[in-house]
Amino acid sequence: MSSGKARPPANAGAGRRAQGFAYIAVLIGVAVVAIGLGAVSEVWVLSGQRQREQELLFVGNQYRDAITRYYVRSPRGALQFPRRLEDLLEDPRAPEGVRRHLRKLYPDPLTGKADWDLVTLADGSIVGVASRSQQRPVKQQGFRQRDAAFEGQSRYADWVFRSPLPAANPVLGAGGGYSSGRSDANGAPAAPPVTQGPIRSTPGSKPASLPTLH
């Protein structure tokens, strides 16, 4: 006699196993896709950083060249570096009228702000700029000669775009040379850097060649 209970189909177990395998396959597929998206995202982020890094090299050297031109084109007997970055946009010292040494005040490509760390002499005149970013650079070698000091640096803040003029790279002595720290874009003193290496010149070092003046 029949017990009255329906028996499961003979292939029910196989169906459940197939569903289990399909579920595992879906999980594996999701994991593979997630790994792929993560890799793509990492490449995208790295590519964006490389682009901003190249922009920093361009913009930083624009400031370096402008600071050098400001000094070289000073009136005879009154050689000086700018006191503000704005002085690079409008230099009224020339008899023939206002000169522009820089097209505009470029922001730092890494911070997106015009919050440059200013490298100054003891008298407050500006001889260079540097990013405030503490991020580690992607580029570690293969720099142009004037940027050779950037090789192997651990922070973008150590990429100091300083004028190559001897006047901007004095040999330090008692009561002379660079100020103990950098200043912000408004001229206010900033905290002393972690390392003074990039800010101070190395005694006996030769300055890089001067940029072509137009």
N, C-alpha and C. Protein backbone atom coordinates (compact mmCIF):
# COMPACT_ATOMS: atom_id res chain seq x y z
N MET A 1 0.83 -1.21 0.00
CA MET A 1 0.00 0.00 0.00
C MET A 1 0.86 1.26 0.00
N SER A 2 0.33 2.28 -0.56
CA SER A 2 1.07 3.55 -0.58
C SER A 2 0.94 4.23 0.77
N SER A 3 2.04 4.82 1.27
CA SER A 3 2.02 5.52 2.55
C SER A 3 1.32 6.86 2.48
N GLY A 4 1.05 7.33 1.25
CA GLY A 4 0.37 8.62 1.08
C GLY A 4 1.34 9.78 0.95
N LYS A 5 2.64 9.54 1.16
CA LYS A 5 3.63 10.60 1.03
C LYS A 5 4.24 10.58 -0.36
N ALA A 6 4.34 11.77 -0.98
CA ALA A 6 4.92 11.86 -2.32
C ALA A 6 6.43 11.73 -2.22
N ARG A 7 6.97 10.94 -3.05
CA ARG A 7 8.42 10.79 -3.09
C ARG A 7 9.05 11.85 -4.01
N PRO A 8 10.19 12.41 -3.58
CA PRO A 8 10.85 13.39 -4.46
C PRO A 8 11.30 12.73 -5.74
N PRO A 9 11.33 13.49 -6.80
CA PRO A 9 11.80 12.92 -8.08
C PRO A 9 13.20 12.35 -7.92
N ALA A 10 13.50 11.40 -8.71
CA ALA A 10 14.80 10.73 -8.62
C ALA A 10 15.95 11.68 -8.91
N ASN A 11 15.70 12.73 -9.72
CA ASN A 11 16.78 13.65 -10.11
C ASN A 11 16.81 14.93 -9.26
N ALA A 12 16.07 14.95 -8.14
CA ALA A 12 16.02 16.15 -7.30
C ALA A 12 17.38 16.47 -6.72
N GLY A 13 18.11 15.46 -6.25
CA GLY A 13 19.44 15.68 -5.68
C GLY A 13 20.39 16.25 -6.71
N ALA A 14 20.32 15.72 -7.90
CA ALA A 14 21.19 16.22 -8.97
C ALA A 14 20.88 17.67 -9.30
N GLY A 15 19.60 18.03 -9.22
CA GLY A 15 19.20 19.40 -9.51
C GLY A 15 19.75 20.37 -8.49
N ARG A 16 19.67 19.93 -7.20
CA ARG A 16 20.20 20.78 -6.15
C ARG A 16 21.71 20.96 -6.29
N ARG A 17 22.39 19.87 -6.65
CA ARG A 17 23.84 19.97 -6.84
C ARG A 17 24.18 20.91 -7.99
N ALA A 18 23.39 20.84 -9.04
CA ALA A 18 23.62 21.72 -10.19
C ALA A 18 23.42 23.18 -9.80
N GLN A 19 22.39 23.43 -8.97
CA GLN A 19 22.15 24.80 -8.51
C GLN A 19 23.31 25.29 -7.64
N GLY A 20 23.83 24.37 -6.80
CA GLY A 20 24.97 24.73 -5.96
C GLY A 20 26.19 25.09 -6.79
N PHE A 21 26.46 24.30 -7.83
CA PHE A 21 27.59 24.58 -8.72
C PHE A 21 27.39 25.91 -9.44
N ALA A 22 26.15 26.18 -9.85
CA ALA A 22 25.87 27.44 -10.55
C ALA A 22 26.09 28.63 -9.63
N TYR A 23 25.69 28.46 -8.35
CA TYR A 23 25.88 29.53 -7.38
C TYR A 23 27.36 29.81 -7.16
N ILE A 24 28.15 28.73 -7.04
CA ILE A 24 29.59 28.88 -6.86
C ILE A 24 30.20 29.56 -8.08
N ALA A 25 29.74 29.18 -9.26
CA ALA A 25 30.26 29.78 -10.48
C ALA A 25 29.97 31.28 -10.52
N VAL A 26 28.75 31.64 -10.05
CA VAL A 26 28.39 33.06 -10.02
C VAL A 26 29.31 33.81 -9.06
N LEU A 27 29.56 33.22 -7.88
CA LEU A 27 30.44 33.86 -6.92
C LEU A 27 31.85 34.05 -7.48
N ILE A 28 32.34 33.01 -8.16
CA ILE A 28 33.67 33.11 -8.77
C ILE A 28 33.69 34.21 -9.83
N GLY A 29 32.61 34.26 -10.62
CA GLY A 29 32.52 35.29 -11.66
C GLY A 29 32.52 36.69 -11.07
N VAL A 30 31.75 36.86 -9.98
CA VAL A 30 31.70 38.17 -9.32
C VAL A 30 33.08 38.55 -8.79
N ALA A 31 33.76 37.55 -8.19
CA ALA A 31 35.10 37.82 -7.65
C ALA A 31 36.07 38.22 -8.74
N VAL A 32 36.02 37.52 -9.87
CA VAL A 32 36.89 37.83 -11.00
C VAL A 32 36.62 39.25 -11.52
N VAL A 33 35.34 39.58 -11.65
CA VAL A 33 34.97 40.92 -12.13
C VAL A 33 35.46 41.98 -11.15
N ALA A 34 35.30 41.72 -9.83
CA ALA A 34 35.73 42.68 -8.82
C ALA A 34 37.24 42.90 -8.88
N ILE A 35 37.97 41.78 -9.05
CA ILE A 35 39.43 41.89 -9.16
C ILE A 35 39.81 42.69 -10.41
N GLY A 36 39.11 42.41 -11.51
CA GLY A 36 39.38 43.14 -12.75
C GLY A 36 39.09 44.62 -12.61
N LEU A 37 37.96 44.95 -11.97
CA LEU A 37 37.61 46.36 -11.78
C LEU A 37 38.61 47.05 -10.86
N GLY A 38 39.07 46.31 -9.84
CA GLY A 38 40.06 46.87 -8.94
C GLY A 38 41.35 47.18 -9.66
N ALA A 39 41.78 46.26 -10.55
CA ALA A 39 43.00 46.48 -11.31
C ALA A 39 42.86 47.66 -12.25
N VAL A 40 41.69 47.75 -12.90
CA VAL A 40 41.44 48.87 -13.82
C VAL A 40 41.43 50.18 -13.05
N SER A 41 40.79 50.17 -11.86
CA SER A 41 40.74 51.38 -11.05
C SER A 41 42.13 51.82 -10.62
N GLU A 42 42.96 50.84 -10.24
CA GLU A 42 44.33 51.16 -9.82
C GLU A 42 45.13 51.76 -10.97
N VAL A 43 44.97 51.19 -12.15
CA VAL A 43 45.67 51.72 -13.33
C VAL A 43 45.18 53.13 -13.63
N TRP A 44 43.88 53.35 -13.51
CA TRP A 44 43.30 54.67 -13.79
C TRP A 44 43.84 55.70 -12.80
N VAL A 45 43.88 55.34 -11.52
CA VAL A 45 44.39 56.25 -10.49
C VAL A 45 45.86 56.56 -10.74
N LEU A 46 46.63 55.53 -11.06
CA LEU A 46 48.05 55.72 -11.31
C LEU A 46 48.28 56.59 -12.53
N SER A 47 47.45 56.39 -13.56
CA SER A 47 47.57 57.20 -14.77
C SER A 47 47.26 58.67 -14.47
N GLY A 48 46.24 58.91 -13.64
CA GLY A 48 45.90 60.28 -13.26
C GLY A 48 47.02 60.94 -12.47
N GLN A 49 47.65 60.16 -11.60
CA GLN A 49 48.76 60.72 -10.81
C GLN A 49 49.94 61.06 -11.71
N ARG A 50 50.22 60.20 -12.68
CA ARG A 50 51.32 60.48 -13.61
C ARG A 50 51.06 61.76 -14.38
N GLN A 51 49.80 61.96 -14.77
CA GLN A 51 49.46 63.17 -15.53
C GLN A 51 49.66 64.42 -14.66
N ARG A 52 49.18 64.36 -13.42
CA ARG A 52 49.35 65.52 -12.52
C ARG A 52 50.84 65.75 -12.22
N GLU A 53 51.59 64.66 -12.18
CA GLU A 53 53.02 64.75 -11.94
C GLU A 53 53.72 65.51 -13.08
N GLN A 54 53.33 65.20 -14.31
CA GLN A 54 53.90 65.90 -15.46
C GLN A 54 53.49 67.37 -15.45
N GLU A 55 52.25 67.63 -15.04
CA GLU A 55 51.80 69.02 -14.95
C GLU A 55 52.60 69.77 -13.89
N LEU A 56 52.92 69.10 -12.79
CA LEU A 56 53.72 69.73 -11.74
C LEU A 56 55.10 70.10 -12.25
N LEU A 57 55.72 69.21 -13.03
CA LEU A 57 57.03 69.50 -13.59
C LEU A 57 56.97 70.71 -14.52
N PHE A 58 55.92 70.78 -15.32
CA PHE A 58 55.77 71.92 -16.24
C PHE A 58 55.53 73.22 -15.48
N VAL A 59 54.54 73.20 -14.59
CA VAL A 59 54.17 74.42 -13.86
C VAL A 59 55.30 74.88 -12.95
N GLY A 60 55.92 73.93 -12.25
CA GLY A 60 57.02 74.29 -11.36
C GLY A 60 58.15 74.97 -12.08
N ASN A 61 58.46 74.48 -13.27
CA ASN A 61 59.53 75.09 -14.05
C ASN A 61 59.11 76.43 -14.66
N GLN A 62 57.81 76.62 -14.86
CA GLN A 62 57.33 77.94 -15.29
C GLN A 62 57.63 78.97 -14.19
N TYR A 63 57.37 78.59 -12.96
CA TYR A 63 57.68 79.49 -11.84
C TYR A 63 59.18 79.70 -11.72
N ARG A 64 59.95 78.63 -11.84
CA ARG A 64 61.40 78.75 -11.71
C ARG A 64 61.96 79.70 -12.77
N ASP A 65 61.53 79.54 -14.00
CA ASP A 65 62.02 80.40 -15.07
C ASP A 65 61.57 81.85 -14.88
N ALA A 66 60.33 82.03 -14.42
CA ALA A 66 59.80 83.39 -14.22
C ALA A 66 60.57 84.11 -13.11
N ILE A 67 60.88 83.39 -12.04
CA ILE A 67 61.64 83.99 -10.94
C ILE A 67 63.04 84.38 -11.42
N THR A 68 63.62 83.53 -12.25
CA THR A 68 64.96 83.82 -12.79
C THR A 68 64.90 85.05 -13.70
N ARG A 69 63.89 85.14 -14.56
CA ARG A 69 63.76 86.29 -15.45
C ARG A 69 63.54 87.58 -14.66
N TYR A 70 62.76 87.48 -13.61
CA TYR A 70 62.50 88.66 -12.78
C TYR A 70 63.81 89.23 -12.26
N TYR A 71 64.70 88.37 -11.83
CA TYR A 71 65.98 88.81 -11.29
C TYR A 71 66.89 89.33 -12.39
N VAL A 72 67.02 88.56 -13.48
CA VAL A 72 67.93 88.93 -14.57
C VAL A 72 67.52 90.25 -15.22
N ARG A 73 66.24 90.52 -15.31
CA ARG A 73 65.75 91.73 -15.95
C ARG A 73 65.51 92.88 -14.97
N SER A 74 66.10 92.78 -13.82
CA SER A 74 66.01 93.88 -12.84
C SER A 74 66.73 95.11 -13.39
N PRO A 75 66.32 96.30 -12.98
CA PRO A 75 67.03 97.51 -13.39
C PRO A 75 68.50 97.43 -12.97
N ARG A 76 69.35 98.06 -13.73
CA ARG A 76 70.78 98.04 -13.45
C ARG A 76 71.05 98.56 -12.04
N GLY A 77 71.83 97.80 -11.31
CA GLY A 77 72.19 98.20 -9.95
C GLY A 77 71.13 97.89 -8.92
N ALA A 78 70.04 97.25 -9.31
CA ALA A 78 68.96 96.95 -8.35
C ALA A 78 68.47 95.52 -8.54
N LEU A 79 69.40 94.58 -8.63
CA LEU A 79 69.04 93.17 -8.80
C LEU A 79 68.27 92.67 -7.59
N GLN A 80 67.15 92.04 -7.84
CA GLN A 80 66.37 91.50 -6.74
C GLN A 80 65.42 90.41 -7.23
N PHE A 81 65.01 89.55 -6.32
CA PHE A 81 64.01 88.52 -6.58
C PHE A 81 62.65 89.05 -6.15
N PRO A 82 61.58 88.45 -6.64
CA PRO A 82 60.25 88.94 -6.27
C PRO A 82 59.94 88.71 -4.79
N ARG A 83 59.09 89.56 -4.26
CA ARG A 83 58.66 89.44 -2.87
C ARG A 83 57.34 88.68 -2.79
N ARG A 84 56.59 88.70 -3.89
CA ARG A 84 55.31 87.98 -3.97
C ARG A 84 55.23 87.30 -5.32
N LEU A 85 54.47 86.24 -5.40
CA LEU A 85 54.29 85.58 -6.69
C LEU A 85 53.57 86.50 -7.66
N GLU A 86 52.71 87.37 -7.13
CA GLU A 86 51.98 88.31 -7.98
C GLU A 86 52.92 89.26 -8.72
N ASP A 87 54.12 89.47 -8.17
CA ASP A 87 55.09 90.35 -8.83
C ASP A 87 55.53 89.79 -10.18
N LEU A 88 55.37 88.48 -10.36
CA LEU A 88 55.75 87.85 -11.62
C LEU A 88 54.75 88.17 -12.73
N LEU A 89 53.54 88.56 -12.34
CA LEU A 89 52.50 88.89 -13.32
C LEU A 89 52.61 90.34 -13.78
N GLU A 90 52.97 91.22 -12.87
CA GLU A 90 53.09 92.64 -13.20
C GLU A 90 54.35 93.20 -12.55
N ASP A 91 55.34 93.40 -13.38
CA ASP A 91 56.63 93.94 -12.92
C ASP A 91 56.77 95.35 -13.46
N PRO A 92 56.52 96.37 -12.64
CA PRO A 92 56.54 97.76 -13.10
C PRO A 92 57.92 98.41 -13.08
N ARG A 93 58.96 97.64 -12.83
CA ARG A 93 60.28 98.24 -12.63
C ARG A 93 60.92 98.73 -13.93
N ALA A 94 60.51 98.18 -15.07
CA ALA A 94 61.13 98.55 -16.34
C ALA A 94 60.68 99.94 -16.80
N PRO A 95 61.58 100.75 -17.33
CA PRO A 95 61.22 102.10 -17.81
C PRO A 95 60.17 102.05 -18.91
N GLU A 96 60.19 100.99 -19.73
CA GLU A 96 59.26 100.93 -20.85
C GLU A 96 57.86 100.48 -20.45
N GLY A 97 57.67 100.14 -19.20
CA GLY A 97 56.34 99.74 -18.76
C GLY A 97 56.32 98.41 -18.03
N VAL A 98 55.11 97.92 -17.76
CA VAL A 98 54.94 96.69 -16.99
C VAL A 98 55.36 95.46 -17.81
N ARG A 99 56.11 94.59 -17.17
CA ARG A 99 56.51 93.33 -17.79
C ARG A 99 55.78 92.17 -17.12
N ARG A 100 55.54 91.15 -17.92
CA ARG A 100 54.94 89.92 -17.39
C ARG A 100 55.97 88.81 -17.53
N HIS A 101 56.31 88.20 -16.41
CA HIS A 101 57.26 87.10 -16.43
C HIS A 101 56.56 85.75 -16.37
N LEU A 102 55.27 85.78 -16.05
CA LEU A 102 54.47 84.56 -15.93
C LEU A 102 53.07 84.85 -16.46
N ARG A 103 52.51 83.92 -17.22
CA ARG A 103 51.19 84.15 -17.82
C ARG A 103 50.11 84.29 -16.77
N LYS A 104 50.16 83.42 -15.75
CA LYS A 104 49.16 83.44 -14.68
C LYS A 104 49.73 82.72 -13.47
N LEU A 105 49.06 82.85 -12.34
CA LEU A 105 49.48 82.13 -11.14
C LEU A 105 48.89 80.72 -11.21
N TYR A 106 49.69 79.79 -11.62
CA TYR A 106 49.23 78.42 -11.76
C TYR A 106 49.00 77.77 -10.40
N PRO A 107 47.91 77.00 -10.25
CA PRO A 107 47.72 76.26 -9.01
C PRO A 107 48.60 75.01 -9.00
N ASP A 108 48.78 74.45 -7.85
CA ASP A 108 49.52 73.20 -7.72
C ASP A 108 48.65 72.08 -8.28
N PRO A 109 49.09 71.37 -9.31
CA PRO A 109 48.27 70.31 -9.91
C PRO A 109 47.91 69.19 -8.94
N LEU A 110 48.68 69.02 -7.89
CA LEU A 110 48.44 67.94 -6.95
C LEU A 110 47.42 68.31 -5.87
N THR A 111 47.40 69.56 -5.46
CA THR A 111 46.45 70.01 -4.44
C THR A 111 45.26 70.74 -5.05
N GLY A 112 45.44 71.20 -6.29
CA GLY A 112 44.37 71.95 -6.95
C GLY A 112 44.24 73.38 -6.44
N LYS A 113 45.19 73.80 -5.62
CA LYS A 113 45.14 75.15 -5.05
C LYS A 113 46.46 75.88 -5.31
N ALA A 114 46.40 77.19 -5.24
CA ALA A 114 47.62 78.01 -5.37
C ALA A 114 48.24 78.17 -3.99
N ASP A 115 48.49 77.03 -3.34
CA ASP A 115 49.01 77.04 -1.97
C ASP A 115 50.48 76.61 -1.95
N TRP A 116 51.25 77.14 -2.85
CA TRP A 116 52.64 76.76 -2.98
C TRP A 116 53.44 77.02 -1.71
N ASP A 117 54.37 76.15 -1.47
CA ASP A 117 55.34 76.36 -0.40
C ASP A 117 56.44 77.23 -1.01
N LEU A 118 56.65 78.42 -0.48
CA LEU A 118 57.60 79.35 -1.07
C LEU A 118 58.98 79.18 -0.45
N VAL A 119 60.00 79.10 -1.31
CA VAL A 119 61.39 79.01 -0.86
C VAL A 119 61.95 80.43 -0.88
N THR A 120 62.36 80.91 0.28
CA THR A 120 62.77 82.30 0.39
C THR A 120 64.18 82.44 0.95
N LEU A 121 64.78 83.58 0.63
CA LEU A 121 66.06 83.94 1.23
C LEU A 121 65.78 84.58 2.59
N ALA A 122 66.84 84.88 3.31
CA ALA A 122 66.69 85.45 4.65
C ALA A 122 65.96 86.79 4.63
N ASP A 123 66.05 87.51 3.49
CA ASP A 123 65.39 88.82 3.41
C ASP A 123 63.94 88.71 2.97
N GLY A 124 63.45 87.49 2.77
CA GLY A 124 62.05 87.29 2.39
C GLY A 124 61.79 87.20 0.91
N SER A 125 62.79 87.44 0.07
CA SER A 125 62.58 87.36 -1.37
C SER A 125 62.43 85.90 -1.80
N ILE A 126 61.61 85.69 -2.81
CA ILE A 126 61.25 84.34 -3.26
C ILE A 126 62.23 83.86 -4.33
N VAL A 127 62.79 82.69 -4.12
CA VAL A 127 63.73 82.12 -5.09
C VAL A 127 63.24 80.79 -5.66
N GLY A 128 62.09 80.31 -5.19
CA GLY A 128 61.58 79.05 -5.70
C GLY A 128 60.24 78.68 -5.08
N VAL A 129 59.64 77.62 -5.62
CA VAL A 129 58.37 77.11 -5.09
C VAL A 129 58.45 75.60 -5.00
N ALA A 130 57.56 75.04 -4.19
CA ALA A 130 57.47 73.59 -4.05
C ALA A 130 56.03 73.22 -3.71
N SER A 131 55.62 72.04 -4.11
CA SER A 131 54.29 71.55 -3.76
C SER A 131 54.24 71.24 -2.28
N ARG A 132 53.03 71.26 -1.72
CA ARG A 132 52.85 70.88 -0.33
C ARG A 132 52.44 69.41 -0.21
N SER A 133 52.30 68.73 -1.32
CA SER A 133 51.84 67.33 -1.30
C SER A 133 52.87 66.41 -0.66
N GLN A 134 52.39 65.56 0.24
CA GLN A 134 53.24 64.58 0.90
C GLN A 134 53.18 63.22 0.19
N GLN A 135 52.47 63.17 -0.93
CA GLN A 135 52.32 61.92 -1.68
C GLN A 135 53.65 61.49 -2.29
N ARG A 136 53.84 60.19 -2.40
CA ARG A 136 55.07 59.67 -2.99
C ARG A 136 55.00 59.77 -4.51
N PRO A 137 56.01 60.32 -5.15
CA PRO A 137 56.01 60.44 -6.62
C PRO A 137 56.08 59.07 -7.30
N VAL A 138 55.43 58.99 -8.44
CA VAL A 138 55.55 57.78 -9.26
C VAL A 138 56.90 57.80 -9.97
N LYS A 139 57.24 58.96 -10.51
CA LYS A 139 58.51 59.11 -11.23
C LYS A 139 59.65 59.19 -10.23
N GLN A 140 60.63 58.31 -10.39
CA GLN A 140 61.78 58.26 -9.49
C GLN A 140 63.10 58.48 -10.20
N GLN A 141 63.09 58.43 -11.52
CA GLN A 141 64.33 58.62 -12.28
C GLN A 141 64.00 59.08 -13.70
N GLY A 142 65.04 59.37 -14.45
CA GLY A 142 64.83 59.81 -15.83
C GLY A 142 64.42 61.27 -15.95
N PHE A 143 64.83 62.10 -14.99
CA PHE A 143 64.49 63.52 -15.03
C PHE A 143 65.44 64.29 -15.96
N ARG A 144 64.99 65.44 -16.42
CA ARG A 144 65.86 66.34 -17.16
C ARG A 144 66.93 66.87 -16.22
N GLN A 145 68.00 67.41 -16.79
CA GLN A 145 69.14 67.82 -16.00
C GLN A 145 68.76 68.81 -14.90
N ARG A 146 67.92 69.78 -15.23
CA ARG A 146 67.60 70.80 -14.22
C ARG A 146 66.71 70.26 -13.11
N ASP A 147 66.10 69.09 -13.34
CA ASP A 147 65.26 68.47 -12.31
C ASP A 147 65.94 67.24 -11.71
N ALA A 148 67.22 67.09 -11.93
CA ALA A 148 67.94 65.89 -11.50
C ALA A 148 67.87 65.68 -9.99
N ALA A 149 67.73 66.75 -9.23
CA ALA A 149 67.68 66.63 -7.77
C ALA A 149 66.41 65.94 -7.29
N PHE A 150 65.43 65.77 -8.18
CA PHE A 150 64.17 65.13 -7.78
C PHE A 150 64.28 63.61 -7.76
N GLU A 151 65.33 63.08 -8.32
CA GLU A 151 65.48 61.63 -8.42
C GLU A 151 65.51 60.99 -7.03
N GLY A 152 64.67 59.98 -6.87
CA GLY A 152 64.65 59.22 -5.62
C GLY A 152 63.97 59.90 -4.45
N GLN A 153 63.31 61.05 -4.68
CA GLN A 153 62.66 61.76 -3.57
C GLN A 153 61.39 61.01 -3.15
N SER A 154 61.07 61.07 -1.88
CA SER A 154 59.94 60.31 -1.34
C SER A 154 58.65 61.12 -1.27
N ARG A 155 58.72 62.45 -1.50
CA ARG A 155 57.54 63.30 -1.44
C ARG A 155 57.60 64.33 -2.57
N TYR A 156 56.43 64.69 -3.07
CA TYR A 156 56.40 65.78 -4.05
C TYR A 156 56.88 67.08 -3.41
N ALA A 157 56.71 67.20 -2.11
CA ALA A 157 57.16 68.41 -1.41
C ALA A 157 58.66 68.60 -1.51
N ASP A 158 59.38 67.53 -1.85
CA ASP A 158 60.83 67.62 -1.99
C ASP A 158 61.26 67.99 -3.41
N TRP A 159 60.28 68.16 -4.30
CA TRP A 159 60.60 68.64 -5.65
C TRP A 159 60.61 70.17 -5.57
N VAL A 160 61.73 70.74 -5.30
CA VAL A 160 61.84 72.20 -5.12
C VAL A 160 62.29 72.85 -6.43
N PHE A 161 61.43 73.69 -6.97
CA PHE A 161 61.71 74.39 -8.23
C PHE A 161 62.35 75.74 -7.88
N ARG A 162 63.65 75.74 -7.74
CA ARG A 162 64.40 76.91 -7.29
C ARG A 162 65.20 77.48 -8.45
N SER A 163 65.29 78.79 -8.50
CA SER A 163 66.09 79.44 -9.54
C SER A 163 67.52 78.93 -9.50
N PRO A 164 68.14 78.67 -10.67
CA PRO A 164 69.50 78.16 -10.69
C PRO A 164 70.55 79.25 -10.51
N LEU A 165 70.12 80.51 -10.41
CA LEU A 165 71.08 81.60 -10.28
C LEU A 165 71.91 81.48 -9.00
N PRO A 166 73.18 81.83 -9.06
CA PRO A 166 74.02 81.78 -7.84
C PRO A 166 73.42 82.60 -6.70
N ALA A 167 72.79 83.72 -7.03
CA ALA A 167 72.20 84.56 -5.99
C ALA A 167 71.06 83.85 -5.26
N ALA A 168 70.45 82.85 -5.91
CA ALA A 168 69.36 82.11 -5.29
C ALA A 168 69.87 80.87 -4.55
N ASN A 169 71.18 80.62 -4.67
CA ASN A 169 71.78 79.44 -4.06
C ASN A 169 73.03 79.80 -3.27
N PRO A 170 72.90 80.70 -2.31
CA PRO A 170 74.08 81.15 -1.57
C PRO A 170 74.66 80.04 -0.70
N VAL A 171 75.97 80.08 -0.53
CA VAL A 171 76.61 79.16 0.40
C VAL A 171 76.27 79.65 1.81
N LEU A 172 75.74 78.77 2.60
CA LEU A 172 75.27 79.18 3.92
C LEU A 172 76.43 79.56 4.84
N GLY A 173 76.23 80.59 5.60
CA GLY A 173 77.23 81.03 6.56
C GLY A 173 76.54 81.61 7.76
N ALA A 174 77.31 82.06 8.72
CA ALA A 174 76.72 82.62 9.93
C ALA A 174 75.89 83.85 9.59
N GLY A 175 74.60 83.77 9.91
CA GLY A 175 73.72 84.92 9.68
C GLY A 175 73.34 85.13 8.24
N GLY A 176 73.57 84.15 7.36
CA GLY A 176 73.24 84.33 5.96
C GLY A 176 72.52 83.12 5.40
N GLY A 177 72.20 83.20 4.11
CA GLY A 177 71.58 82.04 3.45
C GLY A 177 70.07 82.07 3.52
N TYR A 178 69.49 80.89 3.50
CA TYR A 178 68.05 80.79 3.46
C TYR A 178 67.43 80.94 4.84
N SER A 179 66.16 81.31 4.83
CA SER A 179 65.43 81.35 6.08
C SER A 179 65.25 79.93 6.58
N SER A 180 64.94 79.78 7.86
CA SER A 180 64.88 78.45 8.46
C SER A 180 63.75 77.60 7.91
N GLY A 181 62.73 78.22 7.36
CA GLY A 181 61.62 77.46 6.80
C GLY A 181 61.11 78.10 5.55
N ARG A 182 60.02 77.56 5.03
CA ARG A 182 59.39 78.13 3.84
C ARG A 182 58.23 79.00 4.27
N SER A 183 57.67 79.70 3.30
CA SER A 183 56.51 80.54 3.57
C SER A 183 55.37 80.08 2.70
N ASP A 184 54.15 80.41 3.11
CA ASP A 184 53.03 80.07 2.26
C ASP A 184 52.85 81.14 1.20
N ALA A 185 51.83 80.96 0.36
CA ALA A 185 51.65 81.87 -0.78
C ALA A 185 51.32 83.29 -0.35
N ASN A 186 50.91 83.48 0.91
CA ASN A 186 50.60 84.81 1.40
C ASN A 186 51.77 85.45 2.13
N GLY A 187 52.90 84.72 2.16
CA GLY A 187 54.07 85.27 2.80
C GLY A 187 54.21 84.95 4.27
N ALA A 188 53.24 84.20 4.83
CA ALA A 188 53.33 83.86 6.25
C ALA A 188 54.31 82.72 6.45
N PRO A 189 55.07 82.75 7.55
CA PRO A 189 56.05 81.69 7.79
C PRO A 189 55.38 80.34 7.89
N ALA A 190 56.03 79.34 7.35
CA ALA A 190 55.53 77.97 7.43
C ALA A 190 56.40 77.18 8.37
N ALA A 191 55.90 76.02 8.78
CA ALA A 191 56.69 75.18 9.67
C ALA A 191 57.93 74.71 8.96
N PRO A 192 59.05 74.54 9.69
CA PRO A 192 60.29 74.08 9.07
C PRO A 192 60.07 72.74 8.39
N PRO A 193 60.69 72.51 7.23
CA PRO A 193 60.52 71.26 6.52
C PRO A 193 61.15 70.11 7.29
N VAL A 194 60.73 68.90 6.93
CA VAL A 194 61.27 67.71 7.58
C VAL A 194 62.76 67.61 7.32
N THR A 195 63.14 67.89 6.09
CA THR A 195 64.56 67.87 5.74
C THR A 195 64.91 69.17 5.05
N GLN A 196 66.05 69.73 5.33
CA GLN A 196 66.45 71.00 4.75
C GLN A 196 67.23 70.81 3.47
N GLY A 197 67.46 69.55 3.09
CA GLY A 197 68.28 69.27 1.92
C GLY A 197 67.84 69.98 0.66
N PRO A 198 66.54 69.84 0.27
CA PRO A 198 66.10 70.45 -0.98
C PRO A 198 66.07 71.97 -0.92
N ILE A 199 66.06 72.56 0.28
CA ILE A 199 65.92 74.00 0.39
C ILE A 199 67.27 74.69 0.35
N ARG A 200 68.27 74.04 0.86
CA ARG A 200 69.59 74.65 0.91
C ARG A 200 70.47 74.12 -0.20
N SER A 201 71.32 74.97 -0.71
CA SER A 201 72.23 74.53 -1.75
C SER A 201 73.38 73.76 -1.14
N THR A 202 73.97 72.89 -1.93
CA THR A 202 75.13 72.14 -1.47
C THR A 202 76.38 72.93 -1.79
N PRO A 203 77.19 73.26 -0.80
CA PRO A 203 78.40 74.03 -1.07
C PRO A 203 79.24 73.39 -2.17
N GLY A 204 79.63 74.20 -3.13
CA GLY A 204 80.47 73.70 -4.21
C GLY A 204 79.70 73.19 -5.40
N SER A 205 78.36 73.11 -5.28
CA SER A 205 77.59 72.62 -6.41
C SER A 205 77.49 73.69 -7.47
N LYS A 206 77.31 73.25 -8.73
CA LYS A 206 77.22 74.18 -9.84
C LYS A 206 75.76 74.39 -10.20
N PRO A 207 75.36 75.62 -10.42
CA PRO A 207 73.97 75.86 -10.79
C PRO A 207 73.69 75.35 -12.19
N ALA A 208 72.40 75.01 -12.42
CA ALA A 208 72.02 74.56 -13.75
C ALA A 208 72.09 75.71 -14.72
N SER A 209 72.09 75.39 -16.03
CA SER A 209 72.16 76.43 -17.05
C SER A 209 70.93 77.31 -17.00
N LEU A 210 71.10 78.57 -17.33
CA LEU A 210 69.99 79.51 -17.27
C LEU A 210 69.01 79.26 -18.40
N PRO A 211 67.72 79.50 -18.15
CA PRO A 211 66.73 79.35 -19.22
C PRO A 211 66.90 80.44 -20.27
N THR A 212 66.47 80.15 -21.45
CA THR A 212 66.54 81.11 -22.54
C THR A 212 65.57 82.25 -22.28
N LEU A 213 66.04 83.45 -22.34
CA LEU A 213 65.18 84.60 -22.10
C LEU A 213 64.66 85.14 -23.43
N HIS A 214 63.41 85.56 -23.41
CA HIS A 214 62.79 86.12 -24.62
C HIS A 214 62.36 87.54 -24.35
